Amino acid sequence: MTDFYTRKDISKDTVQFTVTVPKEEFQKEYTALLKKELENTDIKGFRKGKVPSDFIEPHIGNTLKIQAFEKLVPMLITTALQKENLEPIAPPEYKEFPDFKEEKDLTFSMDITIMPEFKLGNLKKIKIEKEDAKVEKKEIDEALENLKKNHETKEKEINEKWAEEIIKLLKLEKEVKDLKELRKYIEDAMKKQKEHMIKHQNEDKAILEGIKISKIEIPQPAIKFEAEERERAFVNDMQQKGINIDDFLKANNITLEKMRELWLKDAEQALQTDVFLKMYIKDKDIKVTDEDLKEKINNIRNGAPKDTDKDIFENEQWKEYIRRIEEKEKAFQSFVKEVLGE
C-alpha cells in the first residue's frame, strides 16, 4: 500500500496526516472479524459457527467496523511516521472520523505532535553564584539541643560530662574525645550536608539556565500526556498498596488539583531536561562505548535480585535503553563540569 496519506505541516511542532484506508483492505479486515464472531456465536436453532451473518450483523456490525478500523490504523500511522522520519511525543489527535455507512475508502485526519528543533545555547553565558556552606554557631547549638532532647542522659546540661555520655551513646569514641571535638564533628557533618545540598541546587540551576538560553519550549500536548502518565502511575500505585486516594490527599493536606499542577510542572521540566541533554550529547559527540555498556550491564546483573529473568540482559532493545540512559548521565556530568567546574 503506497501513497495512502498526505502530510501538512501545521506548525513547528504539529504535523497533520490525512490518511486513506482502501475499502478493500478495510472490508477484508471487517470480514475476518465477522467470521471469527460467527464461529463463536451460539443461537438456538443453529449449529455453533453456522449462524447466518444476517442474524447478528445488524447488531454488532458497527462495533466490528470500529474494531477493524482500530486494527488497521496503527499500522498505517506507523508506516507514515517511518516514511516521514517523525517521532510523535504525544498520542495523535483525531480531527475527523470516517463514515462507516458508505462502502468507500475511509479517510480521516489527525494531528501528530513532534518535538521542534532547538539549538544549544551559548553555555558560557551560564553564571551560577555559588553559596557558602558555612555552618553558624547557632546551628551547632541547635543540633546539640536536639541531641539532648532526643537522648536520655544522666547529665541534664550540655557540658563535658554530658558530651562524654552522648559520645558513648552515639559510639563516636574513636573520632570524638570531648565537647569541643563533638561540636567540630557536628559542624563538619552539617557542612558536608550543606555542600551536598548546594551542589545539587547548583546543578538544577545550571540545567534550568541551559534550557532557558537554548529556548526549549515543549509542546503542550506532550506536557499534558506526560503529566497524565504520572497521574496514572500514582493511581496504580495507590491501588496496589490498597490506599484510598481521598484519604491519602487528606492526610497530606493536598488536593488532586494541586497534584495535577505539580505533575504538569514536573513533566515540563523533565521533558525540557531530556531535550537539553540530547542536544548536549549531539553537540559534544558524547558516546558510550560497547565496553562501557558491557561494564554497566554487568554491574546491573550483579546487583539484580536472584529471581530476575536473565534473558533481559541479552535483549538488544533493553541494552540500547541502558546505553541512552548512560549517555544522558555522561552528558549531565560533562555539562556540570563545564559550567560549574565540578
C-alpha atoms as a PDB file:
ATOM      1  CA  MET A   1       0.000   0.000   0.000  1.00  0.00           C
ATOM      2  CA  THR A   2       1.589   3.296  -1.053  1.00  0.00           C
ATOM      3  CA  ASP A   3       0.511   6.941  -1.220  1.00  0.00           C
ATOM      4  CA  PHE A   4      -2.194   6.344   1.371  1.00  0.00           C
ATOM      5  CA  TYR A   5      -1.568   9.618   3.198  1.00  0.00           C
ATOM      6  CA  THR A   6      -0.776  13.276   2.714  1.00  0.00           C
ATOM      7  CA  ARG A   7       1.253  15.435   5.069  1.00  0.00           C
ATOM      8  CA  LYS A   8       0.664  19.031   6.040  1.00  0.00           C
ATOM      9  CA  ASP A   9       2.946  20.886   8.459  1.00  0.00           C
ATOM     10  CA  ILE A  10       0.626  22.947  10.670  1.00  0.00           C
ATOM     11  CA  SER A  11       3.350  24.435  12.879  1.00  0.00           C
ATOM     12  CA  LYS A  12       6.881  23.729  14.062  1.00  0.00           C
ATOM     13  CA  ASP A  13       5.537  21.058  16.432  1.00  0.00           C
ATOM     14  CA  THR A  14       2.385  19.800  14.669  1.00  0.00           C
ATOM     15  CA  VAL A  15       2.061  17.703  11.530  1.00  0.00           C
ATOM     16  CA  GLN A  16      -1.341  16.793  10.116  1.00  0.00           C
ATOM     17  CA  PHE A  17      -1.792  13.494   8.310  1.00  0.00           C
ATOM     18  CA  THR A  18      -4.793  12.803   6.128  1.00  0.00           C
ATOM     19  CA  VAL A  19      -4.914   9.023   5.825  1.00  0.00           C
ATOM     20  CA  THR A  20      -6.942   6.870   3.450  1.00  0.00           C
ATOM     21  CA  VAL A  21      -7.812   3.269   4.256  1.00  0.00           C
ATOM     22  CA  PRO A  22      -8.662   1.483   0.970  1.00  0.00           C
ATOM     23  CA  LYS A  23     -12.123  -0.052   1.127  1.00  0.00           C
ATOM     24  CA  GLU A  24     -10.724  -3.421   0.016  1.00  0.00           C
ATOM     25  CA  GLU A  25      -8.291  -3.542   2.959  1.00  0.00           C
ATOM     26  CA  PHE A  26     -10.983  -2.432   5.381  1.00  0.00           C
ATOM     27  CA  GLN A  27     -13.532  -4.925   4.072  1.00  0.00           C
ATOM     28  CA  LYS A  28     -11.001  -7.748   4.323  1.00  0.00           C
ATOM     29  CA  GLU A  29     -10.318  -6.962   7.972  1.00  0.00           C
ATOM     30  CA  TYR A  30     -14.007  -6.492   8.742  1.00  0.00           C
ATOM     31  CA  THR A  31     -14.930  -9.803   7.108  1.00  0.00           C
ATOM     32  CA  ALA A  32     -12.255 -11.623   9.114  1.00  0.00           C
ATOM     33  CA  LEU A  33     -13.601 -10.197  12.370  1.00  0.00           C
ATOM     34  CA  LEU A  34     -17.179 -11.030  11.396  1.00  0.00           C
ATOM     35  CA  LYS A  35     -16.217 -14.610  10.524  1.00  0.00           C
ATOM     36  CA  LYS A  36     -14.498 -15.056  13.874  1.00  0.00           C
ATOM     37  CA  GLU A  37     -17.546 -13.656  15.656  1.00  0.00           C
ATOM     38  CA  LEU A  38     -19.862 -16.032  13.775  1.00  0.00           C
ATOM     39  CA  GLU A  39     -17.685 -19.015  14.678  1.00  0.00           C
ATOM     40  CA  ASN A  40     -18.127 -18.208  18.356  1.00  0.00           C
ATOM     41  CA  THR A  41     -21.849 -17.389  18.178  1.00  0.00           C
ATOM     42  CA  ASP A  42     -24.310 -19.932  19.566  1.00  0.00           C
ATOM     43  CA  ILE A  43     -28.005 -19.307  18.768  1.00  0.00           C
ATOM     44  CA  LYS A  44     -30.775 -21.784  19.394  1.00  0.00           C
ATOM     45  CA  GLY A  45     -31.871 -23.413  16.128  1.00  0.00           C
ATOM     46  CA  PHE A  46     -28.421 -23.211  14.528  1.00  0.00           C
ATOM     47  CA  ARG A  47     -25.295 -25.232  14.984  1.00  0.00           C
ATOM     48  CA  LYS A  48     -22.465 -23.288  16.602  1.00  0.00           C
ATOM     49  CA  GLY A  49     -20.498 -21.494  13.914  1.00  0.00           C
ATOM     50  CA  LYS A  50     -23.292 -21.877  11.357  1.00  0.00           C
ATOM     51  CA  VAL A  51     -25.334 -18.801  12.261  1.00  0.00           C
ATOM     52  CA  PRO A  52     -26.037 -16.675   9.126  1.00  0.00           C
ATOM     53  CA  SER A  53     -24.347 -13.294   9.238  1.00  0.00           C
ATOM     54  CA  ASP A  54     -27.712 -11.576   8.608  1.00  0.00           C
ATOM     55  CA  PHE A  55     -28.803 -12.628  12.094  1.00  0.00           C
ATOM     56  CA  ILE A  56     -26.078 -10.816  14.029  1.00  0.00           C
ATOM     57  CA  GLU A  57     -24.553  -8.270  11.652  1.00  0.00           C
ATOM     58  CA  PRO A  58     -27.260  -5.615  12.227  1.00  0.00           C
ATOM     59  CA  HIS A  59     -26.478  -5.773  15.963  1.00  0.00           C
ATOM     60  CA  ILE A  60     -22.681  -5.913  16.015  1.00  0.00           C
ATOM     61  CA  GLY A  61     -21.702  -4.717  12.531  1.00  0.00           C
ATOM     62  CA  ASN A  62     -20.883  -1.168  13.552  1.00  0.00           C
ATOM     63  CA  THR A  63     -18.825  -2.345  16.531  1.00  0.00           C
ATOM     64  CA  LEU A  64     -16.846  -4.694  14.300  1.00  0.00           C
ATOM     65  CA  LYS A  65     -16.232  -1.911  11.785  1.00  0.00           C
ATOM     66  CA  ILE A  66     -14.752   0.249  14.516  1.00  0.00           C
ATOM     67  CA  GLN A  67     -12.598  -2.697  15.650  1.00  0.00           C
ATOM     68  CA  ALA A  68     -11.418  -3.283  12.085  1.00  0.00           C
ATOM     69  CA  PHE A  69     -10.591   0.398  11.723  1.00  0.00           C
ATOM     70  CA  GLU A  70      -8.711   0.485  15.033  1.00  0.00           C
ATOM     71  CA  LYS A  71      -6.734  -2.579  13.996  1.00  0.00           C
ATOM     72  CA  LEU A  72      -5.648  -1.128  10.656  1.00  0.00           C
ATOM     73  CA  VAL A  73      -4.925   2.459  11.702  1.00  0.00           C
ATOM     74  CA  PRO A  74      -1.861   1.883  13.949  1.00  0.00           C
ATOM     75  CA  MET A  75      -0.052   0.057  11.146  1.00  0.00           C
ATOM     76  CA  LEU A  76      -0.829   2.834   8.672  1.00  0.00           C
ATOM     77  CA  ILE A  77       0.237   5.596  11.064  1.00  0.00           C
ATOM     78  CA  THR A  78       3.446   3.760  11.965  1.00  0.00           C
ATOM     79  CA  THR A  79       4.278   3.329   8.286  1.00  0.00           C
ATOM     80  CA  ALA A  80       3.599   7.013   7.565  1.00  0.00           C
ATOM     81  CA  LEU A  81       5.713   8.134  10.518  1.00  0.00           C
ATOM     82  CA  GLN A  82       8.597   5.902   9.434  1.00  0.00           C
ATOM     83  CA  LYS A  83       8.424   7.196   5.866  1.00  0.00           C
ATOM     84  CA  GLU A  84       8.441  10.796   7.132  1.00  0.00           C
ATOM     85  CA  ASN A  85      11.080  10.027   9.784  1.00  0.00           C
ATOM     86  CA  LEU A  86       8.942  11.507  12.556  1.00  0.00           C
ATOM     87  CA  GLU A  87       8.762  10.607  16.243  1.00  0.00           C
ATOM     88  CA  PRO A  88       5.499  11.592  17.952  1.00  0.00           C
ATOM     89  CA  ILE A  89       5.774  12.823  21.545  1.00  0.00           C
ATOM     90  CA  ALA A  90       2.072  12.588  22.392  1.00  0.00           C
ATOM     91  CA  PRO A  91      -0.887  10.455  21.275  1.00  0.00           C
ATOM     92  CA  PRO A  92      -2.354  11.522  17.906  1.00  0.00           C
ATOM     93  CA  GLU A  93      -5.364  13.809  17.971  1.00  0.00           C
ATOM     94  CA  TYR A  94      -8.114  12.817  15.536  1.00  0.00           C
ATOM     95  CA  LYS A  95      -9.561  15.789  13.683  1.00  0.00           C
ATOM     96  CA  GLU A  96     -12.306  13.874  11.916  1.00  0.00           C
ATOM     97  CA  PHE A  97     -13.578  10.305  11.978  1.00  0.00           C
ATOM     98  CA  PRO A  98     -14.588   8.350   8.848  1.00  0.00           C
ATOM     99  CA  ASP A  99     -18.150   7.426   7.975  1.00  0.00           C
ATOM    100  CA  PHE A 100     -18.581   3.636   8.060  1.00  0.00           C
ATOM    101  CA  LYS A 101     -22.026   3.679   6.442  1.00  0.00           C
ATOM    102  CA  GLU A 102     -20.893   4.074   2.849  1.00  0.00           C
ATOM    103  CA  GLU A 103     -18.844   1.408   1.109  1.00  0.00           C
ATOM    104  CA  LYS A 104     -15.921   3.537   0.016  1.00  0.00           C
ATOM    105  CA  ASP A 105     -12.370   4.347   1.049  1.00  0.00           C
ATOM    106  CA  LEU A 106     -12.190   5.578   4.621  1.00  0.00           C
ATOM    107  CA  THR A 107     -10.476   8.940   5.058  1.00  0.00           C
ATOM    108  CA  PHE A 108      -9.576  10.596   8.319  1.00  0.00           C
ATOM    109  CA  SER A 109      -7.229  13.305   9.569  1.00  0.00           C
ATOM    110  CA  MET A 110      -5.109  13.507  12.685  1.00  0.00           C
ATOM    111  CA  ASP A 111      -2.601  15.879  14.225  1.00  0.00           C
ATOM    112  CA  ILE A 112       0.755  14.459  15.284  1.00  0.00           C
ATOM    113  CA  THR A 113       2.762  16.362  17.900  1.00  0.00           C
ATOM    114  CA  ILE A 114       6.520  16.276  17.325  1.00  0.00           C
ATOM    115  CA  MET A 115       9.430  17.845  19.147  1.00  0.00           C
ATOM    116  CA  PRO A 116      10.523  21.110  17.472  1.00  0.00           C
ATOM    117  CA  GLU A 117      14.142  21.653  16.509  1.00  0.00           C
ATOM    118  CA  PHE A 118      16.215  23.520  19.088  1.00  0.00           C
ATOM    119  CA  LYS A 119      19.790  24.799  19.084  1.00  0.00           C
ATOM    120  CA  LEU A 120      22.091  24.507  22.075  1.00  0.00           C
ATOM    121  CA  GLY A 121      22.636  27.957  23.569  1.00  0.00           C
ATOM    122  CA  ASN A 122      25.954  29.517  24.498  1.00  0.00           C
ATOM    123  CA  LEU A 123      26.778  27.705  27.737  1.00  0.00           C
ATOM    124  CA  LYS A 124      29.471  30.263  28.596  1.00  0.00           C
ATOM    125  CA  LYS A 125      26.656  32.659  29.456  1.00  0.00           C
ATOM    126  CA  ILE A 126      25.576  30.459  32.352  1.00  0.00           C
ATOM    127  CA  LYS A 127      26.689  32.038  35.611  1.00  0.00           C
ATOM    128  CA  ILE A 128      25.733  30.334  38.860  1.00  0.00           C
ATOM    129  CA  GLU A 129      26.540  32.180  42.072  1.00  0.00           C
ATOM    130  CA  LYS A 130      27.964  29.634  44.473  1.00  0.00           C
ATOM    131  CA  GLU A 131      26.757  29.716  48.056  1.00  0.00           C
ATOM    132  CA  ASP A 132      28.963  29.381  51.106  1.00  0.00           C
ATOM    133  CA  ALA A 133      28.410  26.158  53.068  1.00  0.00           C
ATOM    134  CA  LYS A 134      29.478  27.811  56.317  1.00  0.00           C
ATOM    135  CA  VAL A 135      27.805  26.474  59.459  1.00  0.00           C
ATOM    136  CA  GLU A 136      26.804  29.107  62.006  1.00  0.00           C
ATOM    137  CA  LYS A 137      27.418  28.677  65.742  1.00  0.00           C
ATOM    138  CA  LYS A 138      23.675  28.794  66.460  1.00  0.00           C
ATOM    139  CA  GLU A 139      23.121  25.847  64.107  1.00  0.00           C
ATOM    140  CA  ILE A 140      25.601  23.762  66.087  1.00  0.00           C
ATOM    141  CA  ASP A 141      23.950  24.873  69.331  1.00  0.00           C
ATOM    142  CA  GLU A 142      20.554  23.789  67.968  1.00  0.00           C
ATOM    143  CA  ALA A 143      21.977  20.414  66.931  1.00  0.00           C
ATOM    144  CA  LEU A 144      23.355  19.883  70.445  1.00  0.00           C
ATOM    145  CA  GLU A 145      19.992  20.843  71.935  1.00  0.00           C
ATOM    146  CA  ASN A 146      18.286  18.287  69.700  1.00  0.00           C
ATOM    147  CA  LEU A 147      20.738  15.623  70.842  1.00  0.00           C
ATOM    148  CA  LYS A 148      19.955  16.475  74.447  1.00  0.00           C
ATOM    149  CA  LYS A 149      16.232  16.343  73.797  1.00  0.00           C
ATOM    150  CA  ASN A 150      16.303  13.057  71.891  1.00  0.00           C
ATOM    151  CA  HIS A 151      18.706  11.085  74.116  1.00  0.00           C
ATOM    152  CA  GLU A 152      18.249  10.214  77.776  1.00  0.00           C
ATOM    153  CA  THR A 153      21.378  11.083  79.792  1.00  0.00           C
ATOM    154  CA  LYS A 154      22.245  11.402  83.466  1.00  0.00           C
ATOM    155  CA  GLU A 155      23.678  14.852  82.900  1.00  0.00           C
ATOM    156  CA  LYS A 156      20.933  17.387  82.112  1.00  0.00           C
ATOM    157  CA  GLU A 157      23.120  20.284  80.976  1.00  0.00           C
ATOM    158  CA  ILE A 158      25.305  20.472  77.872  1.00  0.00           C
ATOM    159  CA  ASN A 159      28.783  20.244  79.338  1.00  0.00           C
ATOM    160  CA  GLU A 160      31.816  17.948  79.272  1.00  0.00           C
ATOM    161  CA  LYS A 161      30.124  15.207  81.313  1.00  0.00           C
ATOM    162  CA  TRP A 162      27.065  15.316  79.072  1.00  0.00           C
ATOM    163  CA  ALA A 163      29.319  15.229  75.983  1.00  0.00           C
ATOM    164  CA  GLU A 164      31.055  12.147  77.354  1.00  0.00           C
ATOM    165  CA  GLU A 165      27.710  10.364  77.712  1.00  0.00           C
ATOM    166  CA  ILE A 166      26.499  11.378  74.229  1.00  0.00           C
ATOM    167  CA  ILE A 167      29.782  10.325  72.619  1.00  0.00           C
ATOM    168  CA  LYS A 168      29.373   6.838  74.124  1.00  0.00           C
ATOM    169  CA  LEU A 169      25.680   6.634  73.162  1.00  0.00           C
ATOM    170  CA  LEU A 170      26.494   7.561  69.556  1.00  0.00           C
ATOM    171  CA  LYS A 171      29.578   5.289  69.564  1.00  0.00           C
ATOM    172  CA  LEU A 172      31.878   8.088  68.485  1.00  0.00           C
ATOM    173  CA  GLU A 173      34.736   7.325  70.881  1.00  0.00           C
ATOM    174  CA  LYS A 174      37.227   6.713  68.051  1.00  0.00           C
ATOM    175  CA  GLU A 175      36.521  10.105  66.462  1.00  0.00           C
ATOM    176  CA  VAL A 176      35.473  12.409  69.279  1.00  0.00           C
ATOM    177  CA  LYS A 177      37.015  12.927  72.727  1.00  0.00           C
ATOM    178  CA  ASP A 178      35.281  15.922  74.294  1.00  0.00           C
ATOM    179  CA  LEU A 179      32.638  18.638  73.814  1.00  0.00           C
ATOM    180  CA  LYS A 180      34.888  20.762  71.625  1.00  0.00           C
ATOM    181  CA  GLU A 181      35.540  17.853  69.274  1.00  0.00           C
ATOM    182  CA  LEU A 182      31.834  16.957  69.336  1.00  0.00           C
ATOM    183  CA  ARG A 183      30.995  20.478  68.175  1.00  0.00           C
ATOM    184  CA  LYS A 184      33.614  20.155  65.426  1.00  0.00           C
ATOM    185  CA  TYR A 185      32.222  16.751  64.421  1.00  0.00           C
ATOM    186  CA  ILE A 186      28.704  18.208  64.155  1.00  0.00           C
ATOM    187  CA  GLU A 187      29.989  21.226  62.231  1.00  0.00           C
ATOM    188  CA  ASP A 188      31.815  19.033  59.703  1.00  0.00           C
ATOM    189  CA  ALA A 189      28.776  16.782  59.243  1.00  0.00           C
ATOM    190  CA  MET A 190      26.447  19.756  58.741  1.00  0.00           C
ATOM    191  CA  LYS A 191      28.908  21.410  56.362  1.00  0.00           C
ATOM    192  CA  LYS A 192      29.170  18.246  54.271  1.00  0.00           C
ATOM    193  CA  GLN A 193      25.370  18.014  54.161  1.00  0.00           C
ATOM    194  CA  LYS A 194      25.110  21.677  53.111  1.00  0.00           C
ATOM    195  CA  GLU A 195      27.770  21.217  50.431  1.00  0.00           C
ATOM    196  CA  HIS A 196      25.866  18.232  49.050  1.00  0.00           C
ATOM    197  CA  MET A 197      22.596  20.182  49.013  1.00  0.00           C
ATOM    198  CA  ILE A 198      24.183  23.269  47.430  1.00  0.00           C
ATOM    199  CA  LYS A 199      25.873  21.110  44.797  1.00  0.00           C
ATOM    200  CA  HIS A 200      22.534  19.641  43.705  1.00  0.00           C
ATOM    201  CA  GLN A 201      20.854  23.038  43.813  1.00  0.00           C
ATOM    202  CA  ASN A 202      23.562  24.499  41.590  1.00  0.00           C
ATOM    203  CA  GLU A 203      23.253  21.593  39.165  1.00  0.00           C
ATOM    204  CA  ASP A 204      19.492  22.154  38.951  1.00  0.00           C
ATOM    205  CA  LYS A 205      20.030  25.900  38.421  1.00  0.00           C
ATOM    206  CA  ALA A 206      22.605  25.221  35.692  1.00  0.00           C
ATOM    207  CA  ILE A 207      20.255  22.859  33.835  1.00  0.00           C
ATOM    208  CA  LEU A 208      17.414  25.389  34.055  1.00  0.00           C
ATOM    209  CA  GLU A 209      19.718  28.114  32.708  1.00  0.00           C
ATOM    210  CA  GLY A 210      20.846  25.812  29.892  1.00  0.00           C
ATOM    211  CA  ILE A 211      17.212  25.160  28.992  1.00  0.00           C
ATOM    212  CA  LYS A 212      16.462  28.892  29.121  1.00  0.00           C
ATOM    213  CA  ILE A 213      19.311  30.032  26.869  1.00  0.00           C
ATOM    214  CA  SER A 214      18.548  27.183  24.451  1.00  0.00           C
ATOM    215  CA  LYS A 215      14.918  28.416  24.331  1.00  0.00           C
ATOM    216  CA  ILE A 216      13.447  24.952  24.809  1.00  0.00           C
ATOM    217  CA  GLU A 217       9.661  25.113  24.815  1.00  0.00           C
ATOM    218  CA  ILE A 218       7.843  21.776  24.972  1.00  0.00           C
ATOM    219  CA  PRO A 219       4.517  21.461  23.079  1.00  0.00           C
ATOM    220  CA  GLN A 220       1.569  21.426  25.454  1.00  0.00           C
ATOM    221  CA  PRO A 221       0.122  18.073  24.244  1.00  0.00           C
ATOM    222  CA  ALA A 222       3.408  16.382  25.218  1.00  0.00           C
ATOM    223  CA  ILE A 223       3.408  18.004  28.672  1.00  0.00           C
ATOM    224  CA  LYS A 224      -0.234  17.040  29.205  1.00  0.00           C
ATOM    225  CA  PHE A 225       0.427  13.436  28.155  1.00  0.00           C
ATOM    226  CA  GLU A 226       3.454  13.092  30.455  1.00  0.00           C
ATOM    227  CA  ALA A 227       1.521  14.593  33.371  1.00  0.00           C
ATOM    228  CA  GLU A 228      -1.341  12.163  32.789  1.00  0.00           C
ATOM    229  CA  GLU A 229       1.167   9.298  32.801  1.00  0.00           C
ATOM    230  CA  ARG A 230       2.326  10.450  36.241  1.00  0.00           C
ATOM    231  CA  GLU A 231      -1.250  10.545  37.460  1.00  0.00           C
ATOM    232  CA  ARG A 232      -1.928   7.044  36.110  1.00  0.00           C
ATOM    233  CA  ALA A 233       1.214   5.755  37.842  1.00  0.00           C
ATOM    234  CA  PHE A 234       0.112   7.421  41.102  1.00  0.00           C
ATOM    235  CA  VAL A 235      -3.388   5.917  40.937  1.00  0.00           C
ATOM    236  CA  ASN A 236      -1.979   2.471  40.112  1.00  0.00           C
ATOM    237  CA  ASP A 237       0.496   2.701  42.996  1.00  0.00           C
ATOM    238  CA  MET A 238      -2.262   3.678  45.432  1.00  0.00           C
ATOM    239  CA  GLN A 239      -4.452   0.798  44.255  1.00  0.00           C
ATOM    240  CA  GLN A 240      -1.640  -1.751  44.578  1.00  0.00           C
ATOM    241  CA  LYS A 241      -0.926  -0.567  48.124  1.00  0.00           C
ATOM    242  CA  GLY A 242      -4.625  -0.588  48.969  1.00  0.00           C
ATOM    243  CA  ILE A 243      -4.617   3.109  49.866  1.00  0.00           C
ATOM    244  CA  ASN A 244      -7.709   5.229  49.371  1.00  0.00           C
ATOM    245  CA  ILE A 245      -6.701   8.251  47.287  1.00  0.00           C
ATOM    246  CA  ASP A 246      -9.031  10.653  49.109  1.00  0.00           C
ATOM    247  CA  ASP A 247      -7.582   9.537  52.452  1.00  0.00           C
ATOM    248  CA  PHE A 248      -4.038   9.990  51.115  1.00  0.00           C
ATOM    249  CA  LEU A 249      -4.777  13.510  49.877  1.00  0.00           C
ATOM    250  CA  LYS A 250      -6.433  14.474  53.160  1.00  0.00           C
ATOM    251  CA  ALA A 251      -3.545  13.069  55.239  1.00  0.00           C
ATOM    252  CA  ASN A 252      -1.023  15.040  53.164  1.00  0.00           C
ATOM    253  CA  ASN A 253      -3.154  18.211  53.132  1.00  0.00           C
ATOM    254  CA  ILE A 254      -3.160  18.439  49.344  1.00  0.00           C
ATOM    255  CA  THR A 255      -5.823  18.384  46.646  1.00  0.00           C
ATOM    256  CA  LEU A 256      -5.850  16.378  43.436  1.00  0.00           C
ATOM    257  CA  GLU A 257      -5.958  19.661  41.515  1.00  0.00           C
ATOM    258  CA  LYS A 258      -2.756  20.810  43.227  1.00  0.00           C
ATOM    259  CA  MET A 259      -1.081  17.476  42.488  1.00  0.00           C
ATOM    260  CA  ARG A 260      -2.044  17.839  38.835  1.00  0.00           C
ATOM    261  CA  GLU A 261      -0.399  21.273  38.798  1.00  0.00           C
ATOM    262  CA  LEU A 262       2.769  19.710  40.226  1.00  0.00           C
ATOM    263  CA  TRP A 263       2.658  16.831  37.707  1.00  0.00           C
ATOM    264  CA  LEU A 264       2.384  19.327  34.862  1.00  0.00           C
ATOM    265  CA  LYS A 265       5.338  21.323  36.161  1.00  0.00           C
ATOM    266  CA  ASP A 266       7.406  18.191  36.737  1.00  0.00           C
ATOM    267  CA  ALA A 267       6.512  16.785  33.313  1.00  0.00           C
ATOM    268  CA  GLU A 268       7.526  20.006  31.571  1.00  0.00           C
ATOM    269  CA  GLN A 269      10.878  20.218  33.350  1.00  0.00           C
ATOM    270  CA  ALA A 270      11.610  16.516  32.771  1.00  0.00           C
ATOM    271  CA  LEU A 271      10.918  16.843  29.038  1.00  0.00           C
ATOM    272  CA  GLN A 272      12.978  20.040  28.796  1.00  0.00           C
ATOM    273  CA  THR A 273      15.900  18.378  30.572  1.00  0.00           C
ATOM    274  CA  ASP A 274      15.659  15.343  28.302  1.00  0.00           C
ATOM    275  CA  VAL A 275      15.737  17.526  25.175  1.00  0.00           C
ATOM    276  CA  PHE A 276      18.612  19.614  26.549  1.00  0.00           C
ATOM    277  CA  LEU A 277      20.762  16.567  27.362  1.00  0.00           C
ATOM    278  CA  LYS A 278      20.078  15.028  23.936  1.00  0.00           C
ATOM    279  CA  MET A 279      21.213  18.281  22.329  1.00  0.00           C
ATOM    280  CA  TYR A 280      24.311  18.319  24.526  1.00  0.00           C
ATOM    281  CA  ILE A 281      25.090  14.690  23.588  1.00  0.00           C
ATOM    282  CA  LYS A 282      24.859  15.543  19.905  1.00  0.00           C
ATOM    283  CA  ASP A 283      26.777  18.821  20.168  1.00  0.00           C
ATOM    284  CA  LYS A 284      29.616  17.336  22.254  1.00  0.00           C
ATOM    285  CA  ASP A 285      29.573  13.984  20.409  1.00  0.00           C
ATOM    286  CA  ILE A 286      29.235  12.061  23.665  1.00  0.00           C
ATOM    287  CA  LYS A 287      29.435   8.297  23.267  1.00  0.00           C
ATOM    288  CA  VAL A 288      29.056   5.254  25.489  1.00  0.00           C
ATOM    289  CA  THR A 289      31.382   2.571  24.128  1.00  0.00           C
ATOM    290  CA  ASP A 290      30.399  -1.081  23.899  1.00  0.00           C
ATOM    291  CA  GLU A 291      32.941  -1.780  26.624  1.00  0.00           C
ATOM    292  CA  ASP A 292      31.385   0.867  28.898  1.00  0.00           C
ATOM    293  CA  LEU A 293      27.939  -0.567  28.215  1.00  0.00           C
ATOM    294  CA  LYS A 294      29.125  -4.101  28.944  1.00  0.00           C
ATOM    295  CA  GLU A 295      30.570  -2.990  32.275  1.00  0.00           C
ATOM    296  CA  LYS A 296      27.348  -1.175  33.205  1.00  0.00           C
ATOM    297  CA  ILE A 297      25.198  -4.192  32.330  1.00  0.00           C
ATOM    298  CA  ASN A 298      27.465  -6.484  34.350  1.00  0.00           C
ATOM    299  CA  ASN A 299      27.027  -4.164  37.337  1.00  0.00           C
ATOM    300  CA  ILE A 300      23.251  -4.265  36.907  1.00  0.00           C
ATOM    301  CA  ARG A 301      23.348  -8.044  36.534  1.00  0.00           C
ATOM    302  CA  ASN A 302      25.431  -8.473  39.698  1.00  0.00           C
ATOM    303  CA  GLY A 303      23.083  -6.266  41.687  1.00  0.00           C
ATOM    304  CA  ALA A 304      19.848  -7.763  40.344  1.00  0.00           C
ATOM    305  CA  PRO A 305      17.576  -9.949  42.545  1.00  0.00           C
ATOM    306  CA  LYS A 306      18.097 -13.699  42.184  1.00  0.00           C
ATOM    307  CA  ASP A 307      14.685 -14.229  40.544  1.00  0.00           C
ATOM    308  CA  THR A 308      15.413 -11.706  37.729  1.00  0.00           C
ATOM    309  CA  ASP A 309      14.863 -13.092  34.234  1.00  0.00           C
ATOM    310  CA  LYS A 310      18.425 -13.354  32.901  1.00  0.00           C
ATOM    311  CA  ASP A 311      17.219 -13.078  29.297  1.00  0.00           C
ATOM    312  CA  ILE A 312      16.670  -9.347  29.781  1.00  0.00           C
ATOM    313  CA  PHE A 313      20.443  -8.816  29.909  1.00  0.00           C
ATOM    314  CA  GLU A 314      20.756 -10.132  26.346  1.00  0.00           C
ATOM    315  CA  ASN A 315      17.825  -8.158  24.961  1.00  0.00           C
ATOM    316  CA  GLU A 316      19.153  -5.682  22.376  1.00  0.00           C
ATOM    317  CA  GLN A 317      16.359  -3.147  22.894  1.00  0.00           C
ATOM    318  CA  TRP A 318      16.991  -3.144  26.643  1.00  0.00           C
ATOM    319  CA  LYS A 319      20.728  -2.734  26.056  1.00  0.00           C
ATOM    320  CA  GLU A 320      20.103   0.315  23.873  1.00  0.00           C
ATOM    321  CA  TYR A 321      17.798   1.721  26.542  1.00  0.00           C
ATOM    322  CA  ILE A 322      20.605   1.397  29.106  1.00  0.00           C
ATOM    323  CA  ARG A 323      23.048   2.950  26.632  1.00  0.00           C
ATOM    324  CA  ARG A 324      20.796   6.015  26.225  1.00  0.00           C
ATOM    325  CA  ILE A 325      20.496   6.393  29.998  1.00  0.00           C
ATOM    326  CA  GLU A 326      24.270   6.197  30.346  1.00  0.00           C
ATOM    327  CA  GLU A 327      24.740   8.757  27.561  1.00  0.00           C
ATOM    328  CA  LYS A 328      22.476  11.195  29.382  1.00  0.00           C
ATOM    329  CA  GLU A 329      24.282  10.614  32.678  1.00  0.00           C
ATOM    330  CA  LYS A 330      27.638  11.125  30.955  1.00  0.00           C
ATOM    331  CA  ALA A 331      26.296  14.286  29.287  1.00  0.00           C
ATOM    332  CA  PHE A 332      24.971  15.587  32.607  1.00  0.00           C
ATOM    333  CA  GLN A 333      28.321  15.085  34.357  1.00  0.00           C
ATOM    334  CA  SER A 334      30.187  16.682  31.460  1.00  0.00           C
ATOM    335  CA  PHE A 335      27.816  19.666  31.456  1.00  0.00           C
ATOM    336  CA  VAL A 336      28.155  20.165  35.215  1.00  0.00           C
ATOM    337  CA  LYS A 337      31.945  20.073  34.952  1.00  0.00           C
ATOM    338  CA  GLU A 338      31.915  22.523  32.041  1.00  0.00           C
ATOM    339  CA  VAL A 339      29.587  25.026  33.690  1.00  0.00           C
ATOM    340  CA  LEU A 340      30.305  24.638  37.407  1.00  0.00           C
ATOM    341  CA  GLY A 341      33.813  23.266  37.269  1.00  0.00           C
ATOM    342  CA  GLU A 342      32.815  20.325  39.486  1.00  0.00           C
END
